[in-house]
PDB file of all heavy atoms in Angstrom:
ATOM      1  N   LEU A   1       0.828  -1.210  -0.006  1.00  0.00           N
ATOM      2  CA  LEU A   1      -0.007  -0.005   0.000  1.00  0.00           C
ATOM      3  C   LEU A   1       0.857   1.260   0.000  1.00  0.00           C
ATOM      4  O   LEU A   1       0.565   2.224  -0.716  1.00  0.00           O
ATOM      5  CB  LEU A   1      -0.947   0.002   1.196  1.00  0.00           C
ATOM      6  CG  LEU A   1      -1.911   1.196   1.295  1.00  0.00           C
ATOM      7  CD1 LEU A   1      -2.762   1.285   0.034  1.00  0.00           C
ATOM      8  CD2 LEU A   1      -2.787   1.059   2.540  1.00  0.00           C
ATOM      9  N   ALA A   2       1.953   1.237   0.764  1.00  0.00           N
ATOM     10  CA  ALA A   2       2.864   2.392   0.807  1.00  0.00           C
ATOM     11  C   ALA A   2       3.488   2.611  -0.564  1.00  0.00           C
ATOM     12  O   ALA A   2       3.613   3.748  -1.032  1.00  0.00           O
ATOM     13  CB  ALA A   2       3.942   2.182   1.861  1.00  0.00           C
ATOM     14  N   LYS A   3       3.877   1.532  -1.210  1.00  0.00           N
ATOM     15  CA  LYS A   3       4.466   1.624  -2.537  1.00  0.00           C
ATOM     16  C   LYS A   3       3.437   2.171  -3.552  1.00  0.00           C
ATOM     17  O   LYS A   3       3.785   3.028  -4.362  1.00  0.00           O
ATOM     18  CB  LYS A   3       4.971   0.248  -2.989  1.00  0.00           C
ATOM     19  CG  LYS A   3       5.755   0.268  -4.262  1.00  0.00           C
ATOM     20  CD  LYS A   3       6.328  -1.121  -4.578  1.00  0.00           C
ATOM     21  CE  LYS A   3       7.095  -1.095  -5.873  1.00  0.00           C
ATOM     22  NZ  LYS A   3       7.644  -2.419  -6.211  1.00  0.00           N
ATOM     23  N   ALA A   4       2.213   1.680  -3.458  1.00  0.00           N
ATOM     24  CA  ALA A   4       1.162   2.170  -4.358  1.00  0.00           C
ATOM     25  C   ALA A   4       0.874   3.639  -4.086  1.00  0.00           C
ATOM     26  O   ALA A   4       0.684   4.402  -5.037  1.00  0.00           O
ATOM     27  CB  ALA A   4      -0.116   1.336  -4.158  1.00  0.00           C
ATOM     28  N   ALA A   5       0.860   4.043  -2.833  1.00  0.00           N
ATOM     29  CA  ALA A   5       0.580   5.437  -2.487  1.00  0.00           C
ATOM     30  C   ALA A   5       1.702   6.362  -3.014  1.00  0.00           C
ATOM     31  O   ALA A   5       1.438   7.435  -3.543  1.00  0.00           O
ATOM     32  CB  ALA A   5       0.444   5.607  -0.982  1.00  0.00           C
ATOM     33  N   GLN A   6       2.931   5.901  -2.906  1.00  0.00           N
ATOM     34  CA  GLN A   6       4.039   6.691  -3.407  1.00  0.00           C
ATOM     35  C   GLN A   6       3.981   6.833  -4.928  1.00  0.00           C
ATOM     36  O   GLN A   6       4.145   7.922  -5.469  1.00  0.00           O
ATOM     37  CB  GLN A   6       5.379   6.029  -3.014  1.00  0.00           C
ATOM     38  CG  GLN A   6       6.599   6.817  -3.522  1.00  0.00           C
ATOM     39  CD  GLN A   6       7.904   6.136  -3.184  1.00  0.00           C
ATOM     40  OE1 GLN A   6       7.920   5.084  -2.545  1.00  0.00           O
ATOM     41  NE2 GLN A   6       9.003   6.730  -3.599  1.00  0.00           N
ATOM     42  N   ARG A   7       3.723   5.718  -5.608  1.00  0.00           N
ATOM     43  CA  ARG A   7       3.593   5.757  -7.065  1.00  0.00           C
ATOM     44  C   ARG A   7       2.429   6.628  -7.499  1.00  0.00           C
ATOM     45  O   ARG A   7       2.516   7.347  -8.484  1.00  0.00           O
ATOM     46  CB  ARG A   7       3.445   4.336  -7.625  1.00  0.00           C
ATOM     47  CG  ARG A   7       3.402   4.267  -9.118  1.00  0.00           C
ATOM     48  CD  ARG A   7       4.704   4.661  -9.752  1.00  0.00           C
ATOM     49  NE  ARG A   7       4.593   4.578 -11.200  1.00  0.00           N
ATOM     50  CZ  ARG A   7       5.228   5.354 -12.052  1.00  0.00           C
ATOM     51  NH1 ARG A   7       6.043   6.293 -11.587  1.00  0.00           N
ATOM     52  NH2 ARG A   7       5.066   5.232 -13.326  1.00  0.00           N
ATOM     53  N   PHE A   8       1.342   6.580  -6.742  1.00  0.00           N
ATOM     54  CA  PHE A   8       0.176   7.405  -7.010  1.00  0.00           C
ATOM     55  C   PHE A   8       0.550   8.890  -6.972  1.00  0.00           C
ATOM     56  O   PHE A   8       0.179   9.638  -7.882  1.00  0.00           O
ATOM     57  CB  PHE A   8      -0.887   7.083  -5.934  1.00  0.00           C
ATOM     58  CG  PHE A   8      -2.219   7.719  -6.188  1.00  0.00           C
ATOM     59  CD1 PHE A   8      -3.192   7.051  -6.911  1.00  0.00           C
ATOM     60  CD2 PHE A   8      -2.523   8.952  -5.674  1.00  0.00           C
ATOM     61  CE1 PHE A   8      -4.432   7.628  -7.135  1.00  0.00           C
ATOM     62  CE2 PHE A   8      -3.754   9.549  -5.887  1.00  0.00           C
ATOM     63  CZ  PHE A   8      -4.717   8.868  -6.613  1.00  0.00           C
ATOM     64  N   GLU A   9       1.292   9.281  -5.950  1.00  0.00           N
ATOM     65  CA  GLU A   9       1.720  10.676  -5.825  1.00  0.00           C
ATOM     66  C   GLU A   9       2.638  11.069  -6.970  1.00  0.00           C
ATOM     67  O   GLU A   9       2.545  12.192  -7.497  1.00  0.00           O
ATOM     68  CB  GLU A   9       2.409  10.916  -4.482  1.00  0.00           C
ATOM     69  CG  GLU A   9       1.467  10.890  -3.314  1.00  0.00           C
ATOM     70  CD  GLU A   9       2.163  11.067  -1.978  1.00  0.00           C
ATOM     71  OE1 GLU A   9       3.413  11.168  -1.968  1.00  0.00           O
ATOM     72  OE2 GLU A   9       1.476  11.085  -0.939  1.00  0.00           O
ATOM     73  N   GLU A  10       3.549  10.161  -7.373  1.00  0.00           N
ATOM     74  CA  GLU A  10       4.438  10.446  -8.485  1.00  0.00           C
ATOM     75  C   GLU A  10       3.653  10.674  -9.781  1.00  0.00           C
ATOM     76  O   GLU A  10       3.945  11.593 -10.541  1.00  0.00           O
ATOM     77  CB  GLU A  10       5.423   9.286  -8.700  1.00  0.00           C
ATOM     78  CG  GLU A  10       6.457   9.141  -7.595  1.00  0.00           C
ATOM     79  CD  GLU A  10       7.252   7.843  -7.693  1.00  0.00           C
ATOM     80  OE1 GLU A  10       6.951   7.021  -8.600  1.00  0.00           O
ATOM     81  OE2 GLU A  10       8.122   7.627  -6.854  1.00  0.00           O
ATOM     82  N   LEU A  11       2.673   9.837 -10.008  1.00  0.00           N
ATOM     83  CA  LEU A  11       1.860   9.957 -11.230  1.00  0.00           C
ATOM     84  C   LEU A  11       0.996  11.227 -11.211  1.00  0.00           C
ATOM     85  O   LEU A  11       0.784  11.843 -12.251  1.00  0.00           O
ATOM     86  CB  LEU A  11       1.010   8.718 -11.420  1.00  0.00           C
ATOM     87  CG  LEU A  11       1.798   7.451 -11.789  1.00  0.00           C
ATOM     88  CD1 LEU A  11       0.881   6.236 -11.794  1.00  0.00           C
ATOM     89  CD2 LEU A  11       2.490   7.602 -13.127  1.00  0.00           C
ATOM     90  N   GLU A  12       0.503  11.593 -10.059  1.00  0.00           N
ATOM     91  CA  GLU A  12      -0.259  12.834  -9.923  1.00  0.00           C
ATOM     92  C   GLU A  12       0.620  14.032 -10.250  1.00  0.00           C
ATOM     93  O   GLU A  12       0.213  14.958 -10.972  1.00  0.00           O
ATOM     94  CB  GLU A  12      -0.813  12.990  -8.502  1.00  0.00           C
ATOM     95  CG  GLU A  12      -2.081  12.196  -8.260  1.00  0.00           C
ATOM     96  CD  GLU A  12      -3.277  12.819  -8.962  1.00  0.00           C
ATOM     97  OE1 GLU A  12      -3.600  13.994  -8.697  1.00  0.00           O
ATOM     98  OE2 GLU A  12      -3.870  12.115  -9.778  1.00  0.00           O
ATOM     99  N   ALA A  13       1.876  14.010  -9.755  1.00  0.00           N
ATOM    100  CA  ALA A  13       2.806  15.107 -10.032  1.00  0.00           C
ATOM    101  C   ALA A  13       3.142  15.130 -11.512  1.00  0.00           C
ATOM    102  O   ALA A  13       3.190  16.234 -12.116  1.00  0.00           O
ATOM    103  CB  ALA A  13       4.090  14.931  -9.210  1.00  0.00           C
ATOM    104  N   LEU A  14       3.324  13.983 -12.129  1.00  0.00           N
ATOM    105  CA  LEU A  14       3.616  13.907 -13.545  1.00  0.00           C
ATOM    106  C   LEU A  14       2.433  14.449 -14.352  1.00  0.00           C
ATOM    107  O   LEU A  14       2.620  15.229 -15.292  1.00  0.00           O
ATOM    108  CB  LEU A  14       3.900  12.468 -13.965  1.00  0.00           C
ATOM    109  CG  LEU A  14       4.112  12.219 -15.471  1.00  0.00           C
ATOM    110  CD1 LEU A  14       5.319  12.992 -15.974  1.00  0.00           C
ATOM    111  CD2 LEU A  14       4.242  10.739 -15.749  1.00  0.00           C
ATOM    112  N   ARG A  15       1.266  14.096 -13.971  1.00  0.00           N
ATOM    113  CA  ARG A  15       0.053  14.575 -14.644  1.00  0.00           C
ATOM    114  C   ARG A  15      -0.068  16.110 -14.569  1.00  0.00           C
ATOM    115  O   ARG A  15      -0.398  16.777 -15.534  1.00  0.00           O
ATOM    116  CB  ARG A  15      -1.181  13.890 -14.096  1.00  0.00           C
ATOM    117  CG  ARG A  15      -2.420  14.120 -14.936  1.00  0.00           C
ATOM    118  CD  ARG A  15      -3.517  13.244 -14.517  1.00  0.00           C
ATOM    119  NE  ARG A  15      -4.125  13.764 -13.310  1.00  0.00           N
ATOM    120  CZ  ARG A  15      -5.319  13.410 -12.868  1.00  0.00           C
ATOM    121  NH1 ARG A  15      -6.023  12.518 -13.514  1.00  0.00           N
ATOM    122  NH2 ARG A  15      -5.841  13.929 -11.773  1.00  0.00           N
ATOM    123  N   ASP A  16       0.224  16.656 -13.373  1.00  0.00           N
ATOM    124  CA  ASP A  16       0.175  18.108 -13.214  1.00  0.00           C
ATOM    125  C   ASP A  16       1.236  18.790 -14.081  1.00  0.00           C
ATOM    126  O   ASP A  16       0.967  19.816 -14.697  1.00  0.00           O
ATOM    127  CB  ASP A  16       0.379  18.498 -11.747  1.00  0.00           C
ATOM    128  CG  ASP A  16      -0.784  18.101 -10.849  1.00  0.00           C
ATOM    129  OD1 ASP A  16      -1.887  17.858 -11.412  1.00  0.00           O
ATOM    130  OD2 ASP A  16      -0.619  18.046  -9.630  1.00  0.00           O
ATOM    131  N   GLU A  17       2.420  18.192 -14.138  1.00  0.00           N
ATOM    132  CA  GLU A  17       3.503  18.744 -14.972  1.00  0.00           C
ATOM    133  C   GLU A  17       3.107  18.711 -16.438  1.00  0.00           C
ATOM    134  O   GLU A  17       3.322  19.687 -17.174  1.00  0.00           O
ATOM    135  CB  GLU A  17       4.791  17.965 -14.748  1.00  0.00           C
ATOM    136  CG  GLU A  17       5.933  18.424 -15.636  1.00  0.00           C
ATOM    137  CD  GLU A  17       7.148  17.519 -15.575  1.00  0.00           C
ATOM    138  OE1 GLU A  17       7.245  16.677 -14.663  1.00  0.00           O
ATOM    139  OE2 GLU A  17       7.989  17.644 -16.487  1.00  0.00           O
ATOM    140  N   LEU A  18       2.559  17.600 -16.890  1.00  0.00           N
ATOM    141  CA  LEU A  18       2.154  17.468 -18.275  1.00  0.00           C
ATOM    142  C   LEU A  18       1.041  18.445 -18.640  1.00  0.00           C
ATOM    143  O   LEU A  18       1.003  19.006 -19.734  1.00  0.00           O
ATOM    144  CB  LEU A  18       1.732  16.040 -18.585  1.00  0.00           C
ATOM    145  CG  LEU A  18       2.845  14.997 -18.565  1.00  0.00           C
ATOM    146  CD1 LEU A  18       2.288  13.595 -18.754  1.00  0.00           C
ATOM    147  CD2 LEU A  18       3.894  15.287 -19.622  1.00  0.00           C
ATOM    148  N   ARG A  19       0.118  18.672 -17.700  1.00  0.00           N
ATOM    149  CA  ARG A  19      -0.969  19.635 -17.903  1.00  0.00           C
ATOM    150  C   ARG A  19      -0.368  21.034 -18.111  1.00  0.00           C
ATOM    151  O   ARG A  19      -0.777  21.773 -19.018  1.00  0.00           O
ATOM    152  CB  ARG A  19      -1.928  19.623 -16.742  1.00  0.00           C
ATOM    153  CG  ARG A  19      -3.156  20.503 -16.965  1.00  0.00           C
ATOM    154  CD  ARG A  19      -4.138  20.434 -15.783  1.00  0.00           C
ATOM    155  NE  ARG A  19      -4.635  19.109 -15.594  1.00  0.00           N
ATOM    156  CZ  ARG A  19      -4.502  18.419 -14.443  1.00  0.00           C
ATOM    157  NH1 ARG A  19      -3.881  18.947 -13.404  1.00  0.00           N
ATOM    158  NH2 ARG A  19      -5.004  17.190 -14.311  1.00  0.00           N
ATOM    159  N   ALA A  20       0.622  21.396 -17.283  1.00  0.00           N
ATOM    160  CA  ALA A  20       1.274  22.708 -17.387  1.00  0.00           C
ATOM    161  C   ALA A  20       2.023  22.810 -18.713  1.00  0.00           C
ATOM    162  O   ALA A  20       1.977  23.865 -19.382  1.00  0.00           O
ATOM    163  CB  ALA A  20       2.192  22.916 -16.225  1.00  0.00           C
ATOM    164  N   ARG A  21       2.720  21.755 -19.089  1.00  0.00           N
ATOM    165  CA  ARG A  21       3.474  21.770 -20.347  1.00  0.00           C
ATOM    166  C   ARG A  21       2.534  21.877 -21.543  1.00  0.00           C
ATOM    167  O   ARG A  21       2.835  22.525 -22.536  1.00  0.00           O
ATOM    168  CB  ARG A  21       4.351  20.514 -20.456  1.00  0.00           C
ATOM    169  CG  ARG A  21       5.530  20.553 -19.490  1.00  0.00           C
ATOM    170  CD  ARG A  21       6.367  19.318 -19.538  1.00  0.00           C
ATOM    171  NE  ARG A  21       6.914  19.124 -20.888  1.00  0.00           N
ATOM    172  CZ  ARG A  21       7.446  17.996 -21.284  1.00  0.00           C
ATOM    173  NH1 ARG A  21       7.532  16.954 -20.467  1.00  0.00           N
ATOM    174  NH2 ARG A  21       7.941  17.870 -22.492  1.00  0.00           N
ATOM    175  N   ARG A  22       1.383  21.214 -21.445  1.00  0.00           N
ATOM    176  CA  ARG A  22       0.401  21.277 -22.518  1.00  0.00           C
ATOM    177  C   ARG A  22      -0.121  22.716 -22.689  1.00  0.00           C
ATOM    178  O   ARG A  22      -0.266  23.225 -23.795  1.00  0.00           O
ATOM    179  CB  ARG A  22      -0.750  20.330 -22.271  1.00  0.00           C
ATOM    180  CG  ARG A  22      -1.793  20.374 -23.342  1.00  0.00           C
ATOM    181  CD  ARG A  22      -2.920  19.407 -23.056  1.00  0.00           C
ATOM    182  NE  ARG A  22      -3.903  19.527 -24.109  1.00  0.00           N
ATOM    183  CZ  ARG A  22      -5.146  19.170 -24.008  1.00  0.00           C
ATOM    184  NH1 ARG A  22      -5.591  18.639 -22.895  1.00  0.00           N
ATOM    185  NH2 ARG A  22      -5.979  19.294 -24.994  1.00  0.00           N
ATOM    186  N   GLN A  23      -0.402  23.368 -21.580  1.00  0.00           N
ATOM    187  CA  GLN A  23      -0.879  24.748 -21.634  1.00  0.00           C
ATOM    188  C   GLN A  23       0.167  25.657 -22.280  1.00  0.00           C
ATOM    189  O   GLN A  23      -0.136  26.525 -23.100  1.00  0.00           O
ATOM    190  CB  GLN A  23      -1.244  25.257 -20.239  1.00  0.00           C
ATOM    191  CG  GLN A  23      -2.509  24.654 -19.675  1.00  0.00           C
ATOM    192  CD  GLN A  23      -2.776  25.078 -18.252  1.00  0.00           C
ATOM    193  OE1 GLN A  23      -1.922  25.650 -17.581  1.00  0.00           O
ATOM    194  NE2 GLN A  23      -3.965  24.772 -17.756  1.00  0.00           N
ATOM    195  N   GLN A  24       1.428  25.458 -21.879  1.00  0.00           N
ATOM    196  CA  GLN A  24       2.519  26.238 -22.438  1.00  0.00           C
ATOM    197  C   GLN A  24       2.638  25.980 -23.951  1.00  0.00           C
ATOM    198  O   GLN A  24       2.794  26.920 -24.726  1.00  0.00           O
ATOM    199  CB  GLN A  24       3.836  25.928 -21.751  1.00  0.00           C
ATOM    200  CG  GLN A  24       4.991  26.726 -22.246  1.00  0.00           C
ATOM    201  CD  GLN A  24       6.304  26.383 -21.560  1.00  0.00           C
ATOM    202  OE1 GLN A  24       6.329  25.510 -20.698  1.00  0.00           O
ATOM    203  NE2 GLN A  24       7.374  27.051 -21.924  1.00  0.00           N
ATOM    204  N   ALA A  25       2.553  24.723 -24.349  1.00  0.00           N
ATOM    205  CA  ALA A  25       2.663  24.380 -25.771  1.00  0.00           C
ATOM    206  C   ALA A  25       1.486  25.003 -26.550  1.00  0.00           C
ATOM    207  O   ALA A  25       1.684  25.496 -27.690  1.00  0.00           O
ATOM    208  CB  ALA A  25       2.678  22.863 -25.935  1.00  0.00           C
ATOM    209  N   THR A  26       0.306  25.005 -25.966  1.00  0.00           N
ATOM    210  CA  THR A  26      -0.861  25.604 -26.622  1.00  0.00           C
ATOM    211  C   THR A  26      -0.651  27.111 -26.828  1.00  0.00           C
ATOM    212  O   THR A  26      -0.983  27.629 -27.896  1.00  0.00           O
ATOM    213  CB  THR A  26      -2.120  25.352 -25.803  1.00  0.00           C
ATOM    214  OG1 THR A  26      -2.301  23.945 -25.677  1.00  0.00           O
ATOM    215  CG2 THR A  26      -3.345  25.963 -26.432  1.00  0.00           C
ATOM    216  N   GLN A  27      -0.092  27.770 -25.837  1.00  0.00           N
ATOM    217  CA  GLN A  27       0.171  29.212 -25.970  1.00  0.00           C
ATOM    218  C   GLN A  27       1.224  29.478 -27.038  1.00  0.00           C
ATOM    219  O   GLN A  27       1.068  30.389 -27.856  1.00  0.00           O
ATOM    220  CB  GLN A  27       0.641  29.782 -24.623  1.00  0.00           C
ATOM    221  CG  GLN A  27      -0.463  29.831 -23.589  1.00  0.00           C
ATOM    222  CD  GLN A  27       0.067  30.225 -22.206  1.00  0.00           C
ATOM    223  OE1 GLN A  27       1.264  30.337 -22.001  1.00  0.00           O
ATOM    224  NE2 GLN A  27      -0.862  30.403 -21.273  1.00  0.00           N
ATOM    225  N   GLU A  28       2.279  28.658 -27.052  1.00  0.00           N
ATOM    226  CA  GLU A  28       3.339  28.843 -28.040  1.00  0.00           C
ATOM    227  C   GLU A  28       2.800  28.541 -29.452  1.00  0.00           C
ATOM    228  O   GLU A  28       3.163  29.204 -30.414  1.00  0.00           O
ATOM    229  CB  GLU A  28       4.546  27.946 -27.742  1.00  0.00           C
ATOM    230  CG  GLU A  28       5.329  28.414 -26.535  1.00  0.00           C
ATOM    231  CD  GLU A  28       6.533  27.518 -26.250  1.00  0.00           C
ATOM    232  OE1 GLU A  28       7.074  26.904 -27.216  1.00  0.00           O
ATOM    233  OE2 GLU A  28       6.914  27.442 -25.087  1.00  0.00           O
ATOM    234  N   LEU A  29       1.950  27.544 -29.537  1.00  0.00           N
ATOM    235  CA  LEU A  29       1.350  27.191 -30.819  1.00  0.00           C
ATOM    236  C   LEU A  29       0.527  28.355 -31.383  1.00  0.00           C
ATOM    237  O   LEU A  29       0.593  28.655 -32.560  1.00  0.00           O
ATOM    238  CB  LEU A  29       0.478  25.932 -30.670  1.00  0.00           C
ATOM    239  CG  LEU A  29      -0.142  25.358 -31.921  1.00  0.00           C
ATOM    240  CD1 LEU A  29       0.921  24.917 -32.900  1.00  0.00           C
ATOM    241  CD2 LEU A  29      -1.047  24.193 -31.560  1.00  0.00           C
ATOM    242  N   ALA A  30      -0.211  28.995 -30.518  1.00  0.00           N
ATOM    243  CA  ALA A  30      -1.011  30.158 -30.963  1.00  0.00           C
ATOM    244  C   ALA A  30      -0.112  31.292 -31.435  1.00  0.00           C
ATOM    245  O   ALA A  30      -0.402  31.940 -32.448  1.00  0.00           O
ATOM    246  CB  ALA A  30      -1.907  30.643 -29.816  1.00  0.00           C
ATOM    247  N   GLU A  31       1.008  31.509 -30.744  1.00  0.00           N
ATOM    248  CA  GLU A  31       1.937  32.554 -31.157  1.00  0.00           C
ATOM    249  C   GLU A  31       2.570  32.239 -32.506  1.00  0.00           C
ATOM    250  O   GLU A  31       2.669  33.095 -33.382  1.00  0.00           O
ATOM    251  CB  GLU A  31       3.037  32.729 -30.089  1.00  0.00           C
ATOM    252  CG  GLU A  31       2.542  33.334 -28.793  1.00  0.00           C
ATOM    253  CD  GLU A  31       3.585  33.259 -27.687  1.00  0.00           C
ATOM    254  OE1 GLU A  31       4.744  32.833 -27.963  1.00  0.00           O
ATOM    255  OE2 GLU A  31       3.251  33.627 -26.542  1.00  0.00           O
ATOM    256  N   VAL A  32       2.999  30.986 -32.695  1.00  0.00           N
ATOM    257  CA  VAL A  32       3.598  30.557 -33.955  1.00  0.00           C
ATOM    258  C   VAL A  32       2.577  30.646 -35.080  1.00  0.00           C
ATOM    259  O   VAL A  32       2.905  31.056 -36.193  1.00  0.00           O
ATOM    260  CB  VAL A  32       4.189  29.136 -33.818  1.00  0.00           C
ATOM    261  CG1 VAL A  32       4.599  28.576 -35.161  1.00  0.00           C
ATOM    262  CG2 VAL A  32       5.386  29.158 -32.872  1.00  0.00           C
ATOM    263  N   LYS A  33       1.353  30.276 -34.785  1.00  0.00           N
ATOM    264  CA  LYS A  33       0.300  30.348 -35.803  1.00  0.00           C
ATOM    265  C   LYS A  33       0.115  31.784 -36.260  1.00  0.00           C
ATOM    266  O   LYS A  33      -0.019  32.045 -37.452  1.00  0.00           O
ATOM    267  CB  LYS A  33      -0.993  29.785 -35.252  1.00  0.00           C
ATOM    268  CG  LYS A  33      -2.143  29.768 -36.219  1.00  0.00           C
ATOM    269  CD  LYS A  33      -3.396  29.188 -35.605  1.00  0.00           C
ATOM    270  CE  LYS A  33      -4.556  29.246 -36.555  1.00  0.00           C
ATOM    271  NZ  LYS A  33      -5.794  28.767 -35.931  1.00  0.00           N
ATOM    272  N   GLN A  34       0.084  32.721 -35.339  1.00  0.00           N
ATOM    273  CA  GLN A  34      -0.078  34.137 -35.683  1.00  0.00           C
ATOM    274  C   GLN A  34       1.104  34.635 -36.490  1.00  0.00           C
ATOM    275  O   GLN A  34       0.927  35.330 -37.500  1.00  0.00           O
ATOM    276  CB  GLN A  34      -0.281  34.990 -34.431  1.00  0.00           C
ATOM    277  CG  GLN A  34      -0.525  36.445 -34.710  1.00  0.00           C
ATOM    278  CD  GLN A  34      -1.798  36.677 -35.502  1.00  0.00           C
ATOM    279  OE1 GLN A  34      -2.784  35.979 -35.371  1.00  0.00           O
ATOM    280  NE2 GLN A  34      -1.759  37.672 -36.354  1.00  0.00           N
ATOM    281  N   THR A  35       2.317  34.269 -36.097  1.00  0.00           N
ATOM    282  CA  THR A  35       3.537  34.682 -36.819  1.00  0.00           C
ATOM    283  C   THR A  35       3.493  34.109 -38.239  1.00  0.00           C
ATOM    284  O   THR A  35       3.781  34.820 -39.218  1.00  0.00           O
ATOM    285  CB  THR A  35       4.780  34.204 -36.085  1.00  0.00           C
ATOM    286  OG1 THR A  35       4.779  34.740 -34.759  1.00  0.00           O
ATOM    287  CG2 THR A  35       6.035  34.608 -36.821  1.00  0.00           C
ATOM    288  N   GLY A  36       3.136  32.851 -38.369  1.00  0.00           N
ATOM    289  CA  GLY A  36       3.036  32.213 -39.679  1.00  0.00           C
ATOM    290  C   GLY A  36       1.975  32.830 -40.564  1.00  0.00           C
ATOM    291  O   GLY A  36       2.171  33.021 -41.755  1.00  0.00           O
ATOM    292  N   LYS A  37       0.859  33.177 -39.954  1.00  0.00           N
ATOM    293  CA  LYS A  37      -0.242  33.815 -40.686  1.00  0.00           C
ATOM    294  C   LYS A  37       0.220  35.163 -41.265  1.00  0.00           C
ATOM    295  O   LYS A  37      -0.050  35.462 -42.444  1.00  0.00           O
ATOM    296  CB  LYS A  37      -1.431  34.009 -39.740  1.00  0.00           C
ATOM    297  CG  LYS A  37      -2.665  34.539 -40.414  1.00  0.00           C
ATOM    298  CD  LYS A  37      -3.820  34.601 -39.404  1.00  0.00           C
ATOM    299  CE  LYS A  37      -5.067  35.172 -40.034  1.00  0.00           C
ATOM    300  NZ  LYS A  37      -6.165  35.244 -39.060  1.00  0.00           N
ATOM    301  N   GLU A  38       0.904  35.937 -40.456  1.00  0.00           N
ATOM    302  CA  GLU A  38       1.404  37.236 -40.930  1.00  0.00           C
ATOM    303  C   GLU A  38       2.440  37.056 -42.029  1.00  0.00           C
ATOM    304  O   GLU A  38       2.436  37.798 -43.020  1.00  0.00           O
ATOM    305  CB  GLU A  38       1.994  38.004 -39.747  1.00  0.00           C
ATOM    306  CG  GLU A  38       0.951  38.458 -38.758  1.00  0.00           C
ATOM    307  CD  GLU A  38       1.549  39.020 -37.462  1.00  0.00           C
ATOM    308  OE1 GLU A  38       2.798  39.061 -37.340  1.00  0.00           O
ATOM    309  OE2 GLU A  38       0.778  39.399 -36.551  1.00  0.00           O
ATOM    310  N   ALA A  39       3.326  36.079 -41.887  1.00  0.00           N
ATOM    311  CA  ALA A  39       4.342  35.822 -42.909  1.00  0.00           C
ATOM    312  C   ALA A  39       3.690  35.383 -44.205  1.00  0.00           C
ATOM    313  O   ALA A  39       4.118  35.769 -45.294  1.00  0.00           O
ATOM    314  CB  ALA A  39       5.328  34.767 -42.410  1.00  0.00           C
ATOM    315  N   ALA A  40       2.653  34.525 -44.125  1.00  0.00           N
ATOM    316  CA  ALA A  40       1.950  34.075 -45.333  1.00  0.00           C
ATOM    317  C   ALA A  40       1.295  35.232 -46.047  1.00  0.00           C
ATOM    318  O   ALA A  40       1.308  35.298 -47.288  1.00  0.00           O
ATOM    319  CB  ALA A  40       0.905  33.022 -44.947  1.00  0.00           C
ATOM    320  N   ILE A  41       0.731  36.169 -45.312  1.00  0.00           N
ATOM    321  CA  ILE A  41       0.115  37.357 -45.904  1.00  0.00           C
ATOM    322  C   ILE A  41       1.187  38.156 -46.655  1.00  0.00           C
ATOM    323  O   ILE A  41       0.972  38.625 -47.799  1.00  0.00           O
ATOM    324  CB  ILE A  41      -0.593  38.218 -44.822  1.00  0.00           C
ATOM    325  CG1 ILE A  41      -1.832  37.499 -44.329  1.00  0.00           C
ATOM    326  CG2 ILE A  41      -0.923  39.621 -45.369  1.00  0.00           C
ATOM    327  CD1 ILE A  41      -2.474  38.154 -43.100  1.00  0.00           C
ATOM    328  N   GLU A  42       2.352  38.319 -46.029  1.00  0.00           N
ATOM    329  CA  GLU A  42       3.427  39.080 -46.657  1.00  0.00           C
ATOM    330  C   GLU A  42       3.908  38.372 -47.945  1.00  0.00           C
ATOM    331  O   GLU A  42       4.151  39.027 -48.966  1.00  0.00           O
ATOM    332  CB  GLU A  42       4.584  39.263 -45.687  1.00  0.00           C
ATOM    333  CG  GLU A  42       4.222  40.194 -44.542  1.00  0.00           C
ATOM    334  CD  GLU A  42       5.246  40.193 -43.423  1.00  0.00           C
ATOM    335  OE1 GLU A  42       6.260  39.446 -43.525  1.00  0.00           O
ATOM    336  OE2 GLU A  42       5.043  40.919 -42.455  1.00  0.00           O
ATOM    337  N   VAL A  43       4.070  37.047 -47.878  1.00  0.00           N
ATOM    338  CA  VAL A  43       4.538  36.288 -49.040  1.00  0.00           C
ATOM    339  C   VAL A  43       3.507  36.426 -50.177  1.00  0.00           C
ATOM    340  O   VAL A  43       3.868  36.656 -51.350  1.00  0.00           O
ATOM    341  CB  VAL A  43       4.760  34.803 -48.682  1.00  0.00           C
ATOM    342  CG1 VAL A  43       4.918  33.950 -49.922  1.00  0.00           C
ATOM    343  CG2 VAL A  43       5.971  34.667 -47.772  1.00  0.00           C
ATOM    344  N   ARG A  44       2.249  36.298 -49.858  1.00  0.00           N
ATOM    345  CA  ARG A  44       1.205  36.412 -50.885  1.00  0.00           C
ATOM    346  C   ARG A  44       1.203  37.809 -51.505  1.00  0.00           C
ATOM    347  O   ARG A  44       1.010  37.964 -52.716  1.00  0.00           O
ATOM    348  CB  ARG A  44      -0.150  36.067 -50.301  1.00  0.00           C
ATOM    349  CG  ARG A  44      -0.352  34.582 -50.098  1.00  0.00           C
ATOM    350  CD  ARG A  44      -1.769  34.245 -49.681  1.00  0.00           C
ATOM    351  NE  ARG A  44      -1.919  32.818 -49.516  1.00  0.00           N
ATOM    352  CZ  ARG A  44      -2.014  32.184 -48.353  1.00  0.00           C
ATOM    353  NH1 ARG A  44      -1.984  32.872 -47.231  1.00  0.00           N
ATOM    354  NH2 ARG A  44      -2.129  30.879 -48.310  1.00  0.00           N
ATOM    355  N   SER A  45       1.402  38.807 -50.692  1.00  0.00           N
ATOM    356  CA  SER A  45       1.421  40.169 -51.171  1.00  0.00           C
ATOM    357  C   SER A  45       2.590  40.354 -52.151  1.00  0.00           C
ATOM    358  O   SER A  45       2.431  40.962 -53.227  1.00  0.00           O
ATOM    359  CB  SER A  45       1.572  41.129 -50.012  1.00  0.00           C
ATOM    360  OG  SER A  45       1.694  42.460 -50.451  1.00  0.00           O
TER     361      SER A  45
END
């Protein structure tokens, strides 16, 4: 039970870290999308 509880806490921490990394990636993706959109407009022009 102690081993399971410890692993449970590790996985919860990992899940929280991955959630934070996903949010960061989503924000960066939006920034890159905007930059690419502006560059595409310039290229087309």
